[in-house]
N, C-alpha and C. Protein backbone atom coordinates (compact mmCIF):
# COMPACT_ATOMS: atom_id res chain seq x y z
N MET A 1 0.83 -1.19 0.00
CA MET A 1 0.00 0.00 0.00
C MET A 1 0.87 1.25 0.00
N LYS A 2 1.93 1.24 0.81
CA LYS A 2 2.83 2.39 0.85
C LYS A 2 3.48 2.64 -0.50
N LYS A 3 3.90 1.54 -1.14
CA LYS A 3 4.54 1.67 -2.45
C LYS A 3 3.56 2.26 -3.46
N PHE A 4 2.33 1.79 -3.42
CA PHE A 4 1.32 2.30 -4.33
C PHE A 4 1.08 3.78 -4.11
N LEU A 5 0.96 4.18 -2.84
CA LEU A 5 0.74 5.59 -2.55
C LEU A 5 1.93 6.45 -2.96
N LEU A 6 3.14 5.94 -2.75
CA LEU A 6 4.33 6.68 -3.15
C LEU A 6 4.37 6.85 -4.65
N LEU A 7 4.11 5.75 -5.37
CA LEU A 7 4.12 5.82 -6.83
C LEU A 7 3.00 6.74 -7.34
N LEU A 8 1.84 6.68 -6.70
CA LEU A 8 0.74 7.57 -7.08
C LEU A 8 1.12 9.03 -6.84
N PHE A 9 1.74 9.29 -5.70
CA PHE A 9 2.19 10.65 -5.37
C PHE A 9 3.19 11.15 -6.41
N ILE A 10 4.15 10.31 -6.78
CA ILE A 10 5.16 10.71 -7.77
C ILE A 10 4.50 10.95 -9.12
N ALA A 11 3.58 10.06 -9.50
CA ALA A 11 2.89 10.23 -10.79
C ALA A 11 2.07 11.52 -10.81
N LEU A 12 1.38 11.80 -9.72
CA LEU A 12 0.58 13.03 -9.67
C LEU A 12 1.45 14.28 -9.69
N THR A 13 2.54 14.27 -8.93
CA THR A 13 3.38 15.46 -8.87
C THR A 13 4.11 15.69 -10.18
N THR A 14 4.40 14.63 -10.92
CA THR A 14 5.07 14.83 -12.21
C THR A 14 4.09 15.27 -13.29
N SER A 15 2.82 14.92 -13.15
CA SER A 15 1.86 15.29 -14.18
C SER A 15 1.17 16.62 -13.92
N VAL A 16 1.19 17.09 -12.68
CA VAL A 16 0.51 18.34 -12.33
C VAL A 16 1.47 19.50 -12.56
N GLY A 17 0.97 20.56 -13.18
CA GLY A 17 1.77 21.76 -13.36
C GLY A 17 2.58 21.72 -14.63
N ALA A 18 2.84 22.90 -15.16
CA ALA A 18 3.58 22.99 -16.42
C ALA A 18 5.08 22.87 -16.19
N ALA A 19 5.56 23.32 -15.04
CA ALA A 19 7.00 23.27 -14.77
C ALA A 19 7.42 21.85 -14.43
N ALA A 20 8.59 21.49 -14.89
CA ALA A 20 9.10 20.15 -14.60
C ALA A 20 9.57 20.10 -13.15
N GLN A 21 9.21 19.03 -12.50
CA GLN A 21 9.63 18.82 -11.12
C GLN A 21 11.01 18.19 -11.14
N LYS A 22 11.82 18.58 -10.15
CA LYS A 22 13.16 18.00 -10.06
C LYS A 22 13.23 17.13 -8.82
N PHE A 23 13.72 15.92 -9.01
CA PHE A 23 13.83 14.95 -7.94
C PHE A 23 15.29 14.56 -7.76
N ALA A 24 15.61 14.09 -6.58
CA ALA A 24 16.95 13.58 -6.31
C ALA A 24 16.84 12.48 -5.26
N LEU A 25 17.88 11.70 -5.21
CA LEU A 25 17.97 10.62 -4.23
C LEU A 25 19.15 10.87 -3.31
N ILE A 26 19.02 10.39 -2.10
CA ILE A 26 20.17 10.31 -1.21
C ILE A 26 20.17 8.91 -0.61
N ASP A 27 21.31 8.48 -0.16
CA ASP A 27 21.44 7.22 0.56
C ASP A 27 21.87 7.59 1.97
N MET A 28 20.91 7.66 2.88
CA MET A 28 21.17 8.13 4.23
C MET A 28 22.16 7.22 4.96
N GLU A 29 22.09 5.92 4.73
CA GLU A 29 23.06 5.01 5.36
C GLU A 29 24.47 5.33 4.89
N TYR A 30 24.64 5.52 3.60
CA TYR A 30 25.94 5.87 3.03
C TYR A 30 26.45 7.18 3.63
N ILE A 31 25.59 8.17 3.71
CA ILE A 31 25.99 9.46 4.27
C ILE A 31 26.41 9.30 5.72
N MET A 32 25.57 8.66 6.52
CA MET A 32 25.87 8.53 7.95
C MET A 32 27.15 7.73 8.19
N HIS A 33 27.38 6.69 7.41
CA HIS A 33 28.57 5.87 7.61
C HIS A 33 29.84 6.58 7.13
N ASN A 34 29.71 7.68 6.44
CA ASN A 34 30.86 8.48 6.04
C ASN A 34 31.08 9.68 6.94
N ILE A 35 30.34 9.76 8.03
CA ILE A 35 30.51 10.82 9.01
C ILE A 35 31.14 10.19 10.26
N PRO A 36 32.40 10.49 10.53
CA PRO A 36 33.09 9.87 11.67
C PRO A 36 32.36 10.06 13.01
N ALA A 37 31.77 11.20 13.23
CA ALA A 37 31.07 11.46 14.50
C ALA A 37 29.90 10.49 14.67
N TYR A 38 29.23 10.14 13.59
CA TYR A 38 28.12 9.20 13.65
C TYR A 38 28.63 7.81 14.03
N GLU A 39 29.73 7.40 13.42
CA GLU A 39 30.31 6.10 13.74
C GLU A 39 30.77 6.05 15.20
N ARG A 40 31.41 7.13 15.67
CA ARG A 40 31.84 7.18 17.07
C ARG A 40 30.65 7.13 18.02
N ALA A 41 29.59 7.84 17.69
CA ALA A 41 28.39 7.83 18.52
C ALA A 41 27.79 6.43 18.58
N GLY A 42 27.77 5.74 17.45
CA GLY A 42 27.25 4.37 17.42
C GLY A 42 28.08 3.43 18.29
N GLU A 43 29.40 3.58 18.23
CA GLU A 43 30.27 2.75 19.07
C GLU A 43 30.05 3.06 20.54
N GLN A 44 29.92 4.35 20.86
CA GLN A 44 29.69 4.75 22.25
C GLN A 44 28.36 4.18 22.76
N LEU A 45 27.33 4.26 21.96
CA LEU A 45 26.03 3.70 22.34
C LEU A 45 26.11 2.19 22.54
N ASN A 46 26.86 1.52 21.69
CA ASN A 46 27.02 0.08 21.79
C ASN A 46 27.73 -0.29 23.10
N GLN A 47 28.77 0.45 23.45
CA GLN A 47 29.50 0.18 24.69
C GLN A 47 28.61 0.41 25.91
N ILE A 48 27.87 1.52 25.90
CA ILE A 48 26.97 1.83 27.02
C ILE A 48 25.90 0.76 27.15
N SER A 49 25.34 0.34 26.01
CA SER A 49 24.31 -0.69 26.01
C SER A 49 24.82 -1.99 26.59
N LYS A 50 26.03 -2.39 26.20
CA LYS A 50 26.61 -3.63 26.73
C LYS A 50 26.82 -3.53 28.23
N LYS A 51 27.30 -2.38 28.69
CA LYS A 51 27.55 -2.18 30.12
C LYS A 51 26.25 -2.28 30.90
N TRP A 52 25.23 -1.60 30.42
CA TRP A 52 23.94 -1.62 31.10
C TRP A 52 23.30 -3.00 31.05
N GLN A 53 23.45 -3.69 29.93
CA GLN A 53 22.90 -5.04 29.80
C GLN A 53 23.56 -5.96 30.82
N ALA A 54 24.86 -5.80 31.02
CA ALA A 54 25.58 -6.62 32.00
C ALA A 54 25.05 -6.36 33.42
N GLU A 55 24.73 -5.10 33.72
CA GLU A 55 24.17 -4.77 35.03
C GLU A 55 22.81 -5.45 35.24
N VAL A 56 21.98 -5.40 34.22
CA VAL A 56 20.65 -6.02 34.30
C VAL A 56 20.79 -7.53 34.44
N GLU A 57 21.67 -8.13 33.65
CA GLU A 57 21.87 -9.57 33.72
C GLU A 57 22.43 -9.99 35.08
N ALA A 58 23.28 -9.16 35.69
CA ALA A 58 23.83 -9.48 37.01
C ALA A 58 22.71 -9.53 38.06
N LEU A 59 21.80 -8.57 38.01
CA LEU A 59 20.67 -8.59 38.94
C LEU A 59 19.77 -9.79 38.69
N ASP A 60 19.55 -10.09 37.43
CA ASP A 60 18.71 -11.24 37.08
C ASP A 60 19.35 -12.55 37.56
N THR A 61 20.66 -12.65 37.41
CA THR A 61 21.39 -13.84 37.88
C THR A 61 21.30 -13.96 39.40
N GLU A 62 21.41 -12.84 40.09
CA GLU A 62 21.27 -12.85 41.55
C GLU A 62 19.88 -13.36 41.95
N ALA A 63 18.85 -12.90 41.25
CA ALA A 63 17.49 -13.34 41.55
C ALA A 63 17.34 -14.84 41.32
N LYS A 64 17.91 -15.34 40.23
CA LYS A 64 17.83 -16.77 39.92
C LYS A 64 18.60 -17.59 40.96
N THR A 65 19.73 -17.08 41.40
CA THR A 65 20.52 -17.76 42.43
C THR A 65 19.75 -17.81 43.74
N LEU A 66 19.14 -16.69 44.11
CA LEU A 66 18.32 -16.66 45.32
C LEU A 66 17.18 -17.69 45.23
N TYR A 67 16.56 -17.79 44.06
CA TYR A 67 15.45 -18.72 43.87
C TYR A 67 15.93 -20.17 43.97
N ARG A 68 17.06 -20.48 43.33
CA ARG A 68 17.60 -21.85 43.40
C ARG A 68 17.95 -22.22 44.84
N ASN A 69 18.57 -21.29 45.54
CA ASN A 69 18.91 -21.55 46.94
C ASN A 69 17.65 -21.76 47.78
N TYR A 70 16.65 -20.96 47.51
CA TYR A 70 15.37 -21.08 48.22
C TYR A 70 14.76 -22.47 47.98
N GLN A 71 14.76 -22.89 46.71
CA GLN A 71 14.19 -24.21 46.39
C GLN A 71 14.94 -25.33 47.11
N ASN A 72 16.25 -25.20 47.16
CA ASN A 72 17.06 -26.26 47.82
C ASN A 72 16.87 -26.27 49.33
N GLU A 73 16.60 -25.12 49.92
CA GLU A 73 16.53 -25.01 51.38
C GLU A 73 15.11 -24.88 51.91
N ALA A 74 14.12 -24.85 51.05
CA ALA A 74 12.74 -24.58 51.45
C ALA A 74 12.23 -25.56 52.51
N VAL A 75 12.61 -26.81 52.41
CA VAL A 75 12.11 -27.80 53.37
C VAL A 75 12.64 -27.57 54.78
N PHE A 76 13.75 -26.86 54.89
CA PHE A 76 14.37 -26.62 56.20
C PHE A 76 13.97 -25.27 56.81
N LEU A 77 13.22 -24.47 56.07
CA LEU A 77 12.89 -23.11 56.51
C LEU A 77 11.52 -23.05 57.18
N SER A 78 11.41 -22.15 58.15
CA SER A 78 10.10 -21.89 58.77
C SER A 78 9.28 -21.04 57.81
N GLU A 79 8.00 -20.91 58.12
CA GLU A 79 7.11 -20.10 57.26
C GLU A 79 7.58 -18.65 57.18
N SER A 80 8.02 -18.09 58.27
CA SER A 80 8.47 -16.70 58.25
C SER A 80 9.77 -16.57 57.44
N GLN A 81 10.65 -17.56 57.53
CA GLN A 81 11.88 -17.54 56.73
C GLN A 81 11.56 -17.69 55.24
N LYS A 82 10.60 -18.56 54.93
CA LYS A 82 10.18 -18.72 53.54
C LYS A 82 9.65 -17.40 52.99
N LYS A 83 8.79 -16.75 53.78
CA LYS A 83 8.20 -15.48 53.36
C LYS A 83 9.30 -14.43 53.13
N THR A 84 10.27 -14.37 54.03
CA THR A 84 11.37 -13.41 53.90
C THR A 84 12.17 -13.68 52.63
N ARG A 85 12.48 -14.95 52.38
CA ARG A 85 13.24 -15.31 51.18
C ARG A 85 12.45 -15.03 49.91
N GLU A 86 11.15 -15.36 49.92
CA GLU A 86 10.30 -15.10 48.75
C GLU A 86 10.24 -13.61 48.46
N ASP A 87 10.09 -12.81 49.52
CA ASP A 87 10.06 -11.35 49.35
C ASP A 87 11.38 -10.83 48.76
N ALA A 88 12.50 -11.40 49.21
CA ALA A 88 13.81 -10.99 48.70
C ALA A 88 13.95 -11.35 47.22
N ILE A 89 13.44 -12.53 46.84
CA ILE A 89 13.50 -12.95 45.44
C ILE A 89 12.65 -12.03 44.58
N VAL A 90 11.43 -11.77 45.02
CA VAL A 90 10.52 -10.90 44.26
C VAL A 90 11.12 -9.51 44.13
N LYS A 91 11.71 -9.00 45.21
CA LYS A 91 12.33 -7.67 45.18
C LYS A 91 13.49 -7.63 44.18
N LYS A 92 14.33 -8.66 44.19
CA LYS A 92 15.47 -8.72 43.27
C LYS A 92 14.99 -8.78 41.82
N GLU A 93 13.94 -9.59 41.56
CA GLU A 93 13.38 -9.67 40.21
C GLU A 93 12.79 -8.33 39.78
N LYS A 94 12.12 -7.66 40.70
CA LYS A 94 11.54 -6.34 40.40
C LYS A 94 12.64 -5.32 40.15
N ASP A 95 13.71 -5.38 40.94
CA ASP A 95 14.84 -4.47 40.73
C ASP A 95 15.44 -4.65 39.34
N ALA A 96 15.58 -5.91 38.93
CA ALA A 96 16.13 -6.20 37.60
C ALA A 96 15.20 -5.66 36.50
N ALA A 97 13.91 -5.88 36.66
CA ALA A 97 12.94 -5.40 35.66
C ALA A 97 12.91 -3.87 35.63
N ASP A 98 12.96 -3.25 36.80
CA ASP A 98 12.97 -1.78 36.86
C ASP A 98 14.22 -1.20 36.22
N LEU A 99 15.36 -1.83 36.47
CA LEU A 99 16.61 -1.36 35.89
C LEU A 99 16.59 -1.50 34.38
N LYS A 100 16.06 -2.64 33.91
CA LYS A 100 15.95 -2.85 32.46
C LYS A 100 15.06 -1.79 31.84
N LYS A 101 13.94 -1.48 32.48
CA LYS A 101 13.03 -0.46 31.96
C LYS A 101 13.70 0.91 31.98
N ARG A 102 14.43 1.20 33.07
CA ARG A 102 15.09 2.51 33.19
C ARG A 102 16.14 2.70 32.10
N TYR A 103 16.88 1.64 31.79
CA TYR A 103 17.92 1.74 30.77
C TYR A 103 17.39 1.60 29.34
N PHE A 104 16.52 0.60 29.12
CA PHE A 104 16.15 0.22 27.76
C PHE A 104 14.69 0.48 27.39
N GLY A 105 13.91 1.06 28.30
CA GLY A 105 12.51 1.34 28.01
C GLY A 105 12.35 2.41 26.95
N PRO A 106 11.12 2.63 26.50
CA PRO A 106 10.85 3.61 25.45
C PRO A 106 11.36 5.02 25.78
N GLU A 107 11.33 5.39 27.01
CA GLU A 107 11.85 6.69 27.43
C GLU A 107 13.06 6.50 28.34
N GLY A 108 13.77 5.41 28.14
CA GLY A 108 14.89 5.05 29.01
C GLY A 108 16.16 5.82 28.70
N GLU A 109 17.16 5.52 29.49
CA GLU A 109 18.45 6.20 29.38
C GLU A 109 19.10 6.00 28.02
N LEU A 110 18.99 4.80 27.44
CA LEU A 110 19.59 4.55 26.14
C LEU A 110 18.93 5.42 25.06
N HIS A 111 17.62 5.54 25.12
CA HIS A 111 16.90 6.40 24.17
C HIS A 111 17.35 7.85 24.31
N LYS A 112 17.46 8.30 25.55
CA LYS A 112 17.90 9.69 25.79
C LYS A 112 19.33 9.91 25.30
N LYS A 113 20.19 8.94 25.56
CA LYS A 113 21.59 9.04 25.13
C LYS A 113 21.68 9.02 23.62
N ARG A 114 20.90 8.15 22.98
CA ARG A 114 20.90 8.07 21.51
C ARG A 114 20.44 9.40 20.91
N THR A 115 19.39 9.96 21.48
CA THR A 115 18.90 11.25 21.00
C THR A 115 19.95 12.33 21.17
N ALA A 116 20.59 12.38 22.35
CA ALA A 116 21.59 13.40 22.62
C ALA A 116 22.79 13.29 21.68
N LEU A 117 23.19 12.07 21.36
CA LEU A 117 24.36 11.89 20.51
C LEU A 117 24.06 12.03 19.02
N LEU A 118 22.92 11.50 18.58
CA LEU A 118 22.63 11.43 17.15
C LEU A 118 21.82 12.60 16.60
N GLN A 119 20.99 13.21 17.43
CA GLN A 119 20.12 14.29 16.93
C GLN A 119 20.91 15.45 16.31
N PRO A 120 22.00 15.91 16.93
CA PRO A 120 22.75 17.01 16.29
C PRO A 120 23.32 16.61 14.93
N ILE A 121 23.76 15.37 14.79
CA ILE A 121 24.29 14.90 13.50
C ILE A 121 23.17 14.82 12.47
N GLN A 122 22.02 14.27 12.88
CA GLN A 122 20.88 14.18 11.97
C GLN A 122 20.39 15.56 11.55
N ASP A 123 20.38 16.51 12.46
CA ASP A 123 19.97 17.87 12.13
C ASP A 123 20.94 18.49 11.13
N GLU A 124 22.23 18.25 11.34
CA GLU A 124 23.24 18.79 10.43
C GLU A 124 23.07 18.20 9.03
N VAL A 125 22.82 16.89 8.95
CA VAL A 125 22.60 16.25 7.65
C VAL A 125 21.34 16.79 7.00
N TYR A 126 20.26 16.93 7.76
CA TYR A 126 19.02 17.47 7.21
C TYR A 126 19.25 18.87 6.63
N ASN A 127 19.96 19.71 7.38
CA ASN A 127 20.22 21.07 6.90
C ASN A 127 21.07 21.07 5.63
N ALA A 128 22.03 20.13 5.54
CA ALA A 128 22.85 20.02 4.34
C ALA A 128 22.01 19.54 3.15
N VAL A 129 21.14 18.56 3.38
CA VAL A 129 20.25 18.08 2.32
C VAL A 129 19.36 19.22 1.84
N LYS A 130 18.80 19.94 2.79
CA LYS A 130 17.93 21.08 2.45
C LYS A 130 18.68 22.13 1.65
N ALA A 131 19.92 22.43 2.06
CA ALA A 131 20.72 23.44 1.35
C ALA A 131 21.03 23.00 -0.08
N VAL A 132 21.42 21.74 -0.26
CA VAL A 132 21.71 21.23 -1.61
C VAL A 132 20.43 21.23 -2.44
N ALA A 133 19.31 20.81 -1.86
CA ALA A 133 18.04 20.79 -2.59
C ALA A 133 17.63 22.19 -3.03
N GLN A 134 17.78 23.16 -2.15
CA GLN A 134 17.42 24.53 -2.51
C GLN A 134 18.36 25.10 -3.57
N ALA A 135 19.65 24.80 -3.44
CA ALA A 135 20.63 25.32 -4.39
C ALA A 135 20.41 24.73 -5.79
N LYS A 136 19.99 23.47 -5.85
CA LYS A 136 19.81 22.80 -7.14
C LYS A 136 18.36 22.82 -7.63
N GLY A 137 17.46 23.36 -6.83
CA GLY A 137 16.07 23.47 -7.24
C GLY A 137 15.29 22.17 -7.17
N PHE A 138 15.65 21.26 -6.29
CA PHE A 138 14.91 20.00 -6.16
C PHE A 138 13.66 20.23 -5.32
N GLN A 139 12.55 19.66 -5.77
CA GLN A 139 11.31 19.74 -5.01
C GLN A 139 11.12 18.52 -4.11
N LEU A 140 11.78 17.43 -4.41
CA LEU A 140 11.59 16.20 -3.66
C LEU A 140 12.92 15.46 -3.57
N ILE A 141 13.26 15.04 -2.36
CA ILE A 141 14.46 14.23 -2.13
C ILE A 141 13.98 12.93 -1.49
N LEU A 142 14.31 11.81 -2.09
CA LEU A 142 13.95 10.50 -1.55
C LEU A 142 15.19 9.83 -0.98
N ASP A 143 14.97 9.06 0.08
CA ASP A 143 16.07 8.30 0.69
C ASP A 143 16.08 6.91 0.08
N ARG A 144 17.11 6.59 -0.64
CA ARG A 144 17.27 5.30 -1.30
C ARG A 144 17.36 4.17 -0.26
N ALA A 145 17.91 4.46 0.91
CA ALA A 145 18.11 3.44 1.93
C ALA A 145 16.83 3.12 2.71
N SER A 146 15.84 3.99 2.63
CA SER A 146 14.60 3.79 3.37
C SER A 146 13.83 2.61 2.82
N GLU A 147 13.31 1.78 3.73
CA GLU A 147 12.55 0.60 3.30
C GLU A 147 11.22 0.98 2.68
N GLY A 148 10.62 2.08 3.12
CA GLY A 148 9.30 2.46 2.64
C GLY A 148 9.31 3.17 1.30
N ALA A 149 10.48 3.52 0.77
CA ALA A 149 10.53 4.30 -0.46
C ALA A 149 10.10 3.48 -1.68
N GLY A 150 10.43 2.22 -1.71
CA GLY A 150 10.02 1.37 -2.82
C GLY A 150 10.66 1.74 -4.13
N ILE A 151 11.88 2.18 -4.13
CA ILE A 151 12.57 2.56 -5.36
C ILE A 151 13.10 1.29 -6.02
N ILE A 152 12.66 1.05 -7.22
CA ILE A 152 13.09 -0.13 -7.95
C ILE A 152 14.33 0.19 -8.78
N PHE A 153 14.34 1.33 -9.42
CA PHE A 153 15.50 1.77 -10.19
C PHE A 153 15.65 3.26 -10.00
N ALA A 154 16.89 3.69 -9.91
CA ALA A 154 17.18 5.12 -9.85
C ALA A 154 18.50 5.38 -10.55
N SER A 155 18.52 6.37 -11.37
CA SER A 155 19.74 6.74 -12.07
C SER A 155 20.74 7.32 -11.08
N PRO A 156 21.97 6.88 -11.15
CA PRO A 156 23.00 7.46 -10.27
C PRO A 156 23.16 8.97 -10.49
N ALA A 157 22.72 9.46 -11.62
CA ALA A 157 22.86 10.88 -11.92
C ALA A 157 22.03 11.76 -10.97
N ILE A 158 20.97 11.20 -10.37
CA ILE A 158 20.15 12.02 -9.47
C ILE A 158 20.48 11.77 -8.00
N ASP A 159 21.50 10.94 -7.73
CA ASP A 159 21.93 10.68 -6.35
C ASP A 159 22.85 11.81 -5.90
N ILE A 160 22.41 12.56 -4.90
CA ILE A 160 23.19 13.71 -4.42
C ILE A 160 23.87 13.43 -3.07
N SER A 161 24.03 12.16 -2.72
CA SER A 161 24.64 11.80 -1.44
C SER A 161 26.03 12.40 -1.28
N ASN A 162 26.85 12.33 -2.32
CA ASN A 162 28.20 12.89 -2.22
C ASN A 162 28.18 14.41 -2.08
N GLU A 163 27.23 15.06 -2.70
CA GLU A 163 27.10 16.51 -2.56
C GLU A 163 26.72 16.88 -1.12
N VAL A 164 25.86 16.08 -0.52
CA VAL A 164 25.47 16.31 0.88
C VAL A 164 26.69 16.14 1.77
N LEU A 165 27.46 15.06 1.54
CA LEU A 165 28.69 14.87 2.32
C LEU A 165 29.66 16.03 2.13
N ALA A 166 29.80 16.51 0.90
CA ALA A 166 30.67 17.66 0.66
C ALA A 166 30.17 18.90 1.38
N LYS A 167 28.87 19.09 1.40
CA LYS A 167 28.28 20.24 2.11
C LYS A 167 28.57 20.15 3.61
N LEU A 168 28.65 18.93 4.12
CA LEU A 168 28.96 18.70 5.54
C LEU A 168 30.46 18.78 5.82
N GLY A 169 31.26 18.86 4.76
CA GLY A 169 32.71 18.95 4.93
C GLY A 169 33.44 17.63 4.85
N TYR A 170 32.74 16.61 4.38
CA TYR A 170 33.35 15.29 4.21
C TYR A 170 33.40 14.97 2.73
N SER A 171 34.59 14.78 2.21
CA SER A 171 34.67 14.46 0.79
C SER A 171 34.91 12.97 0.65
N ASN A 172 34.40 12.43 -0.43
CA ASN A 172 34.54 10.99 -0.65
C ASN A 172 35.03 10.71 -2.03
């Protein structure tokens, strides 16, 4: 459905109006992978993610260890001791789940860190794309790397990815 709507939109925009519309393509993945700051930010996010994942897994392992010990010793424990141990296990499991949510949830620390690191780079790329589009008179810029674009064929002559990189100060 998306492909149909995109093709319909392109067909309508090319047929409406007497002036010829100018289109161009960019490959956002190619652009981003040629920006060292983007690569460094990705590595930094990966390291932070691994560190936080290890913290969550450590709490989860502690909870599992407490549970195994409880199962092995349950027959020797009084009801109050069982209740205390069960509460400790539940608390440890909740702590692990809360930490996972705090780090990796939709509004978690990783999301905030990703936004803080990548948003300035994405804004800079957007501004460069906009500047190249305005300078060359393009009315529409499509991202070749986007899954929703549905581009089956595109002439390399309309790919302005290298011009965007040059505008950002990176030559290729």
